[in-house]
C-alpha atoms as a PDB file:
ATOM      1  CA  MET A   1       0.000   0.000   0.000  1.00  0.00           C
ATOM      2  CA  VAL A   2       1.266   3.444  -0.844  1.00  0.00           C
ATOM      3  CA  GLY A   3      -0.197   6.652   0.575  1.00  0.00           C
ATOM      4  CA  PRO A   4      -2.352   7.454   3.575  1.00  0.00           C
ATOM      5  CA  LEU A   5      -3.942   4.657   5.582  1.00  0.00           C
ATOM      6  CA  ALA A   6      -7.720   4.429   5.596  1.00  0.00           C
ATOM      7  CA  GLY A   7      -9.474   4.879   8.941  1.00  0.00           C
ATOM      8  CA  THR A   8     -10.901   7.403  11.331  1.00  0.00           C
ATOM      9  CA  VAL A   9      -9.786   8.888  14.616  1.00  0.00           C
ATOM     10  CA  ALA A  10     -11.825  10.516  17.362  1.00  0.00           C
ATOM     11  CA  ARG A  11     -11.001  13.453  19.601  1.00  0.00           C
ATOM     12  CA  GLY A  12      -8.724  12.231  22.388  1.00  0.00           C
ATOM     13  CA  ASP A  13      -7.370   9.229  20.465  1.00  0.00           C
ATOM     14  CA  ARG A  14      -3.659   8.705  21.099  1.00  0.00           C
ATOM     15  CA  LEU A  15      -0.949   7.526  18.742  1.00  0.00           C
ATOM     16  CA  ASP A  16       2.005   6.030  20.591  1.00  0.00           C
ATOM     17  CA  PHE A  17       4.290   3.491  18.950  1.00  0.00           C
ATOM     18  CA  TYR A  18       6.288   2.546  22.056  1.00  0.00           C
ATOM     19  CA  ARG A  19       6.108  -1.104  23.170  1.00  0.00           C
ATOM     20  CA  GLY A  20       4.611  -2.062  19.825  1.00  0.00           C
ATOM     21  CA  SER A  21       5.631  -2.974  16.348  1.00  0.00           C
ATOM     22  CA  LEU A  22       4.508  -2.318  12.825  1.00  0.00           C
ATOM     23  CA  LYS A  23       4.653  -5.021  10.175  1.00  0.00           C
ATOM     24  CA  MET A  24       4.515  -4.172   6.484  1.00  0.00           C
ATOM     25  CA  VAL A  25       5.305  -5.865   3.206  1.00  0.00           C
ATOM     26  CA  VAL A  26       7.592  -3.934   0.878  1.00  0.00           C
ATOM     27  CA  PHE A  27       8.165  -5.383  -2.597  1.00  0.00           C
ATOM     28  CA  GLY A  28       7.220  -8.843  -1.304  1.00  0.00           C
ATOM     29  CA  ILE A  29       9.568  -8.677   1.700  1.00  0.00           C
ATOM     30  CA  THR A  30       8.039  -8.550   5.184  1.00  0.00           C
ATOM     31  CA  VAL A  31       9.575  -5.815   7.320  1.00  0.00           C
ATOM     32  CA  THR A  32       8.895  -5.388  11.044  1.00  0.00           C
ATOM     33  CA  CYS A  33       9.633  -2.047  12.705  1.00  0.00           C
ATOM     34  CA  THR A  34       9.864  -2.070  16.499  1.00  0.00           C
ATOM     35  CA  ALA A  35      10.153   1.056  18.622  1.00  0.00           C
ATOM     36  CA  THR A  36      13.127   1.031  20.987  1.00  0.00           C
ATOM     37  CA  GLY A  37      12.015   4.022  23.075  1.00  0.00           C
ATOM     38  CA  PRO A  38       9.099   6.362  23.642  1.00  0.00           C
ATOM     39  CA  GLN A  39       8.175   8.984  21.053  1.00  0.00           C
ATOM     40  CA  SER A  40       9.604  12.413  21.682  1.00  0.00           C
ATOM     41  CA  PRO A  41       7.603  14.568  21.512  1.00  0.00           C
ATOM     42  CA  GLY A  42       4.609  12.369  21.983  1.00  0.00           C
ATOM     43  CA  PRO A  43       2.409  10.557  22.156  1.00  0.00           C
ATOM     44  CA  PHE A  44       0.300  12.362  19.558  1.00  0.00           C
ATOM     45  CA  VAL A  45      -3.219  13.161  20.793  1.00  0.00           C
ATOM     46  CA  PHE A  46      -5.891  14.089  18.246  1.00  0.00           C
ATOM     47  CA  ASP A  47      -8.107  17.066  19.089  1.00  0.00           C
END
């Protein structure tokens, strides 16, 4: 997938990647990204 991700967020939703991972497939190769520390600044809070 290329471009923005589909979905909705509500006021107060938080985006924090720490203690999680993101898995994606790039050109047929699975790549896993794992955060090694908290976001700074962050987490992002939608308002």
